[in-house]
PDB file of N, CA and C in Angstrom:
ATOM      1  N   MET A   1      -7.036   6.450  15.546  1.00  0.00           N
ATOM      2  CA  MET A   1      -6.146   5.479  15.135  1.00  0.00           C
ATOM      3  C   MET A   1      -6.148   4.511  16.314  1.00  0.00           C
ATOM      4  N   THR A   2      -6.279   3.253  15.882  1.00  0.00           N
ATOM      5  CA  THR A   2      -6.219   2.125  16.799  1.00  0.00           C
ATOM      6  C   THR A   2      -4.730   1.687  16.960  1.00  0.00           C
ATOM      7  N   THR A   3      -4.528   1.213  18.331  1.00  0.00           N
ATOM      8  CA  THR A   3      -3.140   0.638  18.520  1.00  0.00           C
ATOM      9  C   THR A   3      -3.175  -0.909  18.774  1.00  0.00           C
ATOM     10  N   LEU A   4      -2.499  -1.658  18.011  1.00  0.00           N
ATOM     11  CA  LEU A   4      -2.409  -3.081  18.132  1.00  0.00           C
ATOM     12  C   LEU A   4      -1.164  -3.521  18.878  1.00  0.00           C
ATOM     13  N   SER A   5      -1.269  -4.528  19.598  1.00  0.00           N
ATOM     14  CA  SER A   5      -0.090  -5.054  20.140  1.00  0.00           C
ATOM     15  C   SER A   5      -0.108  -6.537  19.795  1.00  0.00           C
ATOM     16  N   ILE A   6       1.103  -6.816  19.035  1.00  0.00           N
ATOM     17  CA  ILE A   6       1.246  -8.191  18.424  1.00  0.00           C
ATOM     18  C   ILE A   6       2.604  -8.772  18.597  1.00  0.00           C
ATOM     19  N   PRO A   7       2.656  -9.982  19.075  1.00  0.00           N
ATOM     20  CA  PRO A   7       4.091 -10.696  19.116  1.00  0.00           C
ATOM     21  C   PRO A   7       4.719 -10.899  17.774  1.00  0.00           C
ATOM     22  N   VAL A   8       5.921 -10.589  17.835  1.00  0.00           N
ATOM     23  CA  VAL A   8       6.638 -11.010  16.487  1.00  0.00           C
ATOM     24  C   VAL A   8       7.993 -11.761  17.046  1.00  0.00           C
ATOM     25  N   SER A   9       8.572 -12.496  15.984  1.00  0.00           N
ATOM     26  CA  SER A   9       9.680 -13.246  16.323  1.00  0.00           C
ATOM     27  C   SER A   9      10.808 -12.381  16.412  1.00  0.00           C
ATOM     28  N   GLY A  10      11.873 -13.013  17.202  1.00  0.00           N
ATOM     29  CA  GLY A  10      13.096 -12.048  17.196  1.00  0.00           C
ATOM     30  C   GLY A  10      13.816 -11.731  15.884  1.00  0.00           C
ATOM     31  N   ASP A  11      13.639 -12.632  15.007  1.00  0.00           N
ATOM     32  CA  ASP A  11      14.097 -12.264  13.551  1.00  0.00           C
ATOM     33  C   ASP A  11      13.359 -11.196  12.893  1.00  0.00           C
ATOM     34  N   LEU A  12      12.026 -11.158  13.097  1.00  0.00           N
ATOM     35  CA  LEU A  12      11.163 -10.028  12.629  1.00  0.00           C
ATOM     36  C   LEU A  12      11.467  -8.724  13.133  1.00  0.00           C
ATOM     37  N   GLU A  13      11.791  -8.794  14.585  1.00  0.00           N
ATOM     38  CA  GLU A  13      12.052  -7.638  15.278  1.00  0.00           C
ATOM     39  C   GLU A  13      13.390  -7.084  14.852  1.00  0.00           C
ATOM     40  N   LYS A  14      14.231  -7.809  14.563  1.00  0.00           N
ATOM     41  CA  LYS A  14      15.761  -7.436  14.120  1.00  0.00           C
ATOM     42  C   LYS A  14      15.527  -6.811  12.712  1.00  0.00           C
ATOM     43  N   PHE A  15      14.640  -7.416  11.858  1.00  0.00           N
ATOM     44  CA  PHE A  15      14.412  -6.863  10.507  1.00  0.00           C
ATOM     45  C   PHE A  15      13.584  -5.618  10.561  1.00  0.00           C
ATOM     46  N   ILE A  16      12.799  -5.362  11.487  1.00  0.00           N
ATOM     47  CA  ILE A  16      12.166  -4.082  11.538  1.00  0.00           C
ATOM     48  C   ILE A  16      13.199  -2.970  12.057  1.00  0.00           C
ATOM     49  N   GLU A  17      13.972  -3.438  13.022  1.00  0.00           N
ATOM     50  CA  GLU A  17      15.029  -2.501  13.595  1.00  0.00           C
ATOM     51  C   GLU A  17      15.926  -2.152  12.504  1.00  0.00           C
ATOM     52  N   ARG A  18      16.231  -3.072  11.683  1.00  0.00           N
ATOM     53  CA  ARG A  18      17.156  -2.657  10.581  1.00  0.00           C
ATOM     54  C   ARG A  18      16.554  -1.783   9.415  1.00  0.00           C
ATOM     55  N   MET A  19      15.318  -2.088   9.434  1.00  0.00           N
ATOM     56  CA  MET A  19      14.517  -1.074   8.350  1.00  0.00           C
ATOM     57  C   MET A  19      14.561   0.363   8.840  1.00  0.00           C
ATOM     58  N   VAL A  20      14.423   0.463  10.210  1.00  0.00           N
ATOM     59  CA  VAL A  20      14.361   1.901  10.828  1.00  0.00           C
ATOM     60  C   VAL A  20      15.733   2.433  10.670  1.00  0.00           C
ATOM     61  N   ARG A  21      16.811   1.699  11.032  1.00  0.00           N
ATOM     62  CA  ARG A  21      18.160   2.157  10.697  1.00  0.00           C
ATOM     63  C   ARG A  21      18.334   2.489   9.355  1.00  0.00           C
ATOM     64  N   ASP A  22      17.812   1.821   8.432  1.00  0.00           N
ATOM     65  CA  ASP A  22      18.195   2.011   6.956  1.00  0.00           C
ATOM     66  C   ASP A  22      17.235   3.253   6.413  1.00  0.00           C
ATOM     67  N   GLY A  23      16.429   3.708   7.357  1.00  0.00           N
ATOM     68  CA  GLY A  23      15.559   4.904   6.957  1.00  0.00           C
ATOM     69  C   GLY A  23      14.356   4.542   6.108  1.00  0.00           C
ATOM     70  N   LYS A  24      13.933   3.218   6.364  1.00  0.00           N
ATOM     71  CA  LYS A  24      12.645   2.747   5.708  1.00  0.00           C
ATOM     72  C   LYS A  24      11.395   3.236   6.360  1.00  0.00           C
ATOM     73  N   GLY A  25      11.599   3.694   7.612  1.00  0.00           N
ATOM     74  CA  GLY A  25      10.632   4.237   8.541  1.00  0.00           C
ATOM     75  C   GLY A  25      10.993   4.935   9.585  1.00  0.00           C
ATOM     76  N   SER A  26      10.281   5.839  10.198  1.00  0.00           N
ATOM     77  CA  SER A  26      10.868   6.652  11.247  1.00  0.00           C
ATOM     78  C   SER A  26      10.962   6.019  12.521  1.00  0.00           C
ATOM     79  N   ASN A  27      10.154   4.854  12.775  1.00  0.00           N
ATOM     80  CA  ASN A  27      10.259   4.117  14.048  1.00  0.00           C
ATOM     81  C   ASN A  27       9.767   2.691  13.653  1.00  0.00           C
ATOM     82  N   LYS A  28       9.684   1.893  14.573  1.00  0.00           N
ATOM     83  CA  LYS A  28       9.266   0.581  14.431  1.00  0.00           C
ATOM     84  C   LYS A  28       7.750   0.550  13.879  1.00  0.00           C
ATOM     85  N   ALA A  29       6.894   1.307  14.544  1.00  0.00           N
ATOM     86  CA  ALA A  29       5.520   1.311  14.099  1.00  0.00           C
ATOM     87  C   ALA A  29       5.314   1.794  12.643  1.00  0.00           C
ATOM     88  N   ASP A  30       6.017   2.797  12.314  1.00  0.00           N
ATOM     89  CA  ASP A  30       6.073   3.317  10.900  1.00  0.00           C
ATOM     90  C   ASP A  30       6.336   2.197   9.856  1.00  0.00           C
ATOM     91  N   VAL A  31       7.438   1.429  10.332  1.00  0.00           N
ATOM     92  CA  VAL A  31       7.933   0.230   9.352  1.00  0.00           C
ATOM     93  C   VAL A  31       6.749  -0.673   9.304  1.00  0.00           C
ATOM     94  N   VAL A  32       6.098  -0.985  10.296  1.00  0.00           N
ATOM     95  CA  VAL A  32       4.976  -2.073  10.227  1.00  0.00           C
ATOM     96  C   VAL A  32       4.017  -1.490   9.436  1.00  0.00           C
ATOM     97  N   ARG A  33       3.440  -0.305   9.734  1.00  0.00           N
ATOM     98  CA  ARG A  33       2.432   0.468   8.960  1.00  0.00           C
ATOM     99  C   ARG A  33       2.671   0.442   7.417  1.00  0.00           C
ATOM    100  N   ARG A  34       4.002   0.939   7.135  1.00  0.00           N
ATOM    101  CA  ARG A  34       4.313   0.931   5.563  1.00  0.00           C
ATOM    102  C   ARG A  34       4.388  -0.503   5.045  1.00  0.00           C
ATOM    103  N   ALA A  35       4.669  -1.641   5.880  1.00  0.00           N
ATOM    104  CA  ALA A  35       4.662  -2.882   5.279  1.00  0.00           C
ATOM    105  C   ALA A  35       3.283  -3.365   5.003  1.00  0.00           C
ATOM    106  N   LEU A  36       2.245  -3.066   5.996  1.00  0.00           N
ATOM    107  CA  LEU A  36       0.943  -3.491   5.783  1.00  0.00           C
ATOM    108  C   LEU A  36       0.442  -2.659   4.728  1.00  0.00           C
ATOM    109  N   LYS A  37       0.713  -1.352   4.557  1.00  0.00           N
ATOM    110  CA  LYS A  37       0.137  -0.738   3.335  1.00  0.00           C
ATOM    111  C   LYS A  37       0.620  -1.360   2.067  1.00  0.00           C
ATOM    112  N   GLN A  38       1.980  -1.618   1.936  1.00  0.00           N
ATOM    113  CA  GLN A  38       2.355  -2.351   0.695  1.00  0.00           C
ATOM    114  C   GLN A  38       1.656  -3.687   0.472  1.00  0.00           C
ATOM    115  N   TYR A  39       1.409  -4.395   1.656  1.00  0.00           N
ATOM    116  CA  TYR A  39       0.704  -5.596   1.467  1.00  0.00           C
ATOM    117  C   TYR A  39      -0.816  -5.487   0.946  1.00  0.00           C
ATOM    118  N   GLU A  40      -1.353  -4.431   1.445  1.00  0.00           N
ATOM    119  CA  GLU A  40      -2.586  -3.996   0.998  1.00  0.00           C
ATOM    120  C   GLU A  40      -2.713  -3.542  -0.335  1.00  0.00           C
ATOM    121  N   GLU A  41      -1.699  -2.926  -0.999  1.00  0.00           N
ATOM    122  CA  GLU A  41      -1.532  -2.579  -2.378  1.00  0.00           C
ATOM    123  C   GLU A  41      -1.264  -3.683  -3.296  1.00  0.00           C
ATOM    124  N   ASN A  42      -0.401  -4.725  -2.770  1.00  0.00           N
ATOM    125  CA  ASN A  42      -0.082  -6.030  -3.480  1.00  0.00           C
ATOM    126  C   ASN A  42      -1.197  -6.813  -3.624  1.00  0.00           C
ATOM    127  N   GLU A  43      -2.175  -6.782  -2.590  1.00  0.00           N
ATOM    128  CA  GLU A  43      -3.359  -7.636  -2.746  1.00  0.00           C
ATOM    129  C   GLU A  43      -4.438  -7.020  -3.706  1.00  0.00           C
ATOM    130  N   ALA A  44      -4.439  -5.698  -3.822  1.00  0.00           N
ATOM    131  CA  ALA A  44      -5.374  -5.079  -4.808  1.00  0.00           C
ATOM    132  C   ALA A  44      -4.782  -5.396  -6.220  1.00  0.00           C
ATOM    133  N   VAL A  45      -3.566  -5.352  -6.420  1.00  0.00           N
ATOM    134  CA  VAL A  45      -3.112  -5.690  -7.834  1.00  0.00           C
ATOM    135  C   VAL A  45      -3.276  -7.079  -8.093  1.00  0.00           C
ATOM    136  N   ARG A  46      -3.101  -8.038  -7.066  1.00  0.00           N
ATOM    137  CA  ARG A  46      -3.372  -9.416  -7.296  1.00  0.00           C
ATOM    138  C   ARG A  46      -4.819  -9.742  -7.651  1.00  0.00           C
ATOM    139  N   ILE A  47      -5.712  -9.072  -7.082  1.00  0.00           N
ATOM    140  CA  ILE A  47      -7.196  -9.169  -7.304  1.00  0.00           C
ATOM    141  C   ILE A  47      -7.468  -8.514  -8.780  1.00  0.00           C
ATOM    142  N   ILE A  48      -6.899  -7.557  -9.219  1.00  0.00           N
ATOM    143  CA  ILE A  48      -7.274  -6.955 -10.465  1.00  0.00           C
ATOM    144  C   ILE A  48      -6.543  -7.918 -11.573  1.00  0.00           C
ATOM    145  N   LEU A  49      -5.294  -8.334 -11.401  1.00  0.00           N
ATOM    146  CA  LEU A  49      -4.779  -9.375 -12.314  1.00  0.00           C
ATOM    147  C   LEU A  49      -5.575 -10.663 -12.409  1.00  0.00           C
ATOM    148  N   GLN A  50      -6.052 -11.171 -11.359  1.00  0.00           N
ATOM    149  CA  GLN A  50      -6.984 -12.297 -11.259  1.00  0.00           C
ATOM    150  C   GLN A  50      -8.190 -12.123 -11.899  1.00  0.00           C
ATOM    151  N   ALA A  51      -8.765 -10.909 -11.791  1.00  0.00           N
ATOM    152  CA  ALA A  51      -9.994 -10.524 -12.549  1.00  0.00           C
ATOM    153  C   ALA A  51      -9.823 -10.360 -13.908  1.00  0.00           C
ATOM    154  N   GLN A  52      -8.682  -9.960 -14.369  1.00  0.00           N
ATOM    155  CA  GLN A  52      -8.245  -9.771 -15.810  1.00  0.00           C
ATOM    156  C   GLN A  52      -8.284 -11.100 -16.434  1.00  0.00           C
ATOM    157  N   SER A  53      -7.879 -12.129 -15.817  1.00  0.00           N
ATOM    158  CA  SER A  53      -7.606 -13.497 -16.366  1.00  0.00           C
ATOM    159  C   SER A  53      -8.915 -14.325 -16.344  1.00  0.00           C
ATOM    160  N   GLU A  54     -10.040 -13.794 -15.681  1.00  0.00           N
ATOM    161  CA  GLU A  54     -11.334 -14.492 -15.583  1.00  0.00           C
ATOM    162  C   GLU A  54     -11.956 -14.338 -17.082  1.00  0.00           C
ATOM    163  N   PRO A  55     -12.682 -15.419 -17.418  1.00  0.00           N
ATOM    164  CA  PRO A  55     -13.240 -15.255 -18.814  1.00  0.00           C
ATOM    165  C   PRO A  55     -14.524 -14.250 -18.709  1.00  0.00           C
ATOM    166  N   THR A  56     -14.641 -13.458 -19.787  1.00  0.00           N
ATOM    167  CA  THR A  56     -15.727 -12.467 -19.954  1.00  0.00           C
ATOM    168  C   THR A  56     -16.713 -13.088 -20.890  1.00  0.00           C
ATOM    169  N   LEU A  57     -18.044 -13.062 -20.414  1.00  0.00           N
ATOM    170  CA  LEU A  57     -19.137 -13.566 -21.084  1.00  0.00           C
ATOM    171  C   LEU A  57     -19.744 -12.267 -21.839  1.00  0.00           C
ATOM    172  N   ARG A  58     -19.840 -12.717 -23.313  1.00  0.00           N
ATOM    173  CA  ARG A  58     -20.297 -11.743 -24.211  1.00  0.00           C
ATOM    174  C   ARG A  58     -21.372 -12.456 -25.131  1.00  0.00           C
ATOM    175  N   GLY A  59     -22.323 -11.703 -25.524  1.00  0.00           N
ATOM    176  CA  GLY A  59     -23.241 -12.157 -26.429  1.00  0.00           C
ATOM    177  C   GLY A  59     -24.706 -12.442 -25.714  1.00  0.00           C
ATOM    178  N   ASP A  60     -25.563 -13.070 -26.728  1.00  0.00           N
ATOM    179  CA  ASP A  60     -26.788 -13.437 -26.381  1.00  0.00           C
ATOM    180  C   ASP A  60     -26.821 -14.378 -25.192  1.00  0.00           C
ATOM    181  N   LEU A  61     -27.612 -14.121 -24.098  1.00  0.00           N
ATOM    182  CA  LEU A  61     -27.631 -14.780 -23.039  1.00  0.00           C
ATOM    183  C   LEU A  61     -28.112 -16.330 -23.218  1.00  0.00           C
ATOM    184  N   ARG A  62     -29.137 -16.539 -24.049  1.00  0.00           N
ATOM    185  CA  ARG A  62     -29.509 -17.850 -24.558  1.00  0.00           C
ATOM    186  C   ARG A  62     -28.398 -18.722 -25.093  1.00  0.00           C
ATOM    187  N   ASP A  63     -27.654 -17.979 -25.974  1.00  0.00           N
ATOM    188  CA  ASP A  63     -26.462 -18.740 -26.597  1.00  0.00           C
ATOM    189  C   ASP A  63     -25.418 -19.134 -25.583  1.00  0.00           C
ATOM    190  N   LEU A  64     -25.260 -18.345 -24.627  1.00  0.00           N
ATOM    191  CA  LEU A  64     -24.219 -18.415 -23.576  1.00  0.00           C
ATOM    192  C   LEU A  64     -24.741 -19.739 -22.644  1.00  0.00           C
ATOM    193  N   MET A  65     -25.982 -19.723 -22.494  1.00  0.00           N
ATOM    194  CA  MET A  65     -26.528 -20.758 -21.596  1.00  0.00           C
ATOM    195  C   MET A  65     -26.427 -22.225 -22.282  1.00  0.00           C
ATOM    196  N   ARG A  66     -26.776 -22.108 -23.484  1.00  0.00           N
ATOM    197  CA  ARG A  66     -26.500 -23.482 -24.361  1.00  0.00           C
ATOM    198  C   ARG A  66     -24.942 -23.889 -24.351  1.00  0.00           C
ATOM    199  N   LYS A  67     -24.117 -23.016 -24.261  1.00  0.00           N
ATOM    200  CA  LYS A  67     -22.591 -23.332 -24.364  1.00  0.00           C
ATOM    201  C   LYS A  67     -22.229 -23.795 -22.999  1.00  0.00           C
ATOM    202  N   ILE A  68     -22.919 -23.408 -21.847  1.00  0.00           N
ATOM    203  CA  ILE A  68     -22.698 -23.901 -20.562  1.00  0.00           C
ATOM    204  C   ILE A  68     -22.923 -25.233 -20.351  1.00  0.00           C
ATOM    205  N   LYS A  69     -24.119 -25.648 -20.808  1.00  0.00           N
ATOM    206  CA  LYS A  69     -24.763 -26.867 -20.593  1.00  0.00           C
ATOM    207  C   LYS A  69     -24.132 -28.096 -21.226  1.00  0.00           C
TER     208      LYS A  69
END
């Protein structure tokens, strides 16, 4: 596991400390790891939803090329 040292604003530090007090993580690092994991999952969902809204090409390639031109 790699250790990162990053500056955070005072407001973010207070928020992280509150999350620890509220039991959202066992310590500050755990809260940040959980937040990053949640962000990663949200990005995966966003990518899937975006892919679902993309048009799907079906049919004969020549017909599709004529439609594009």
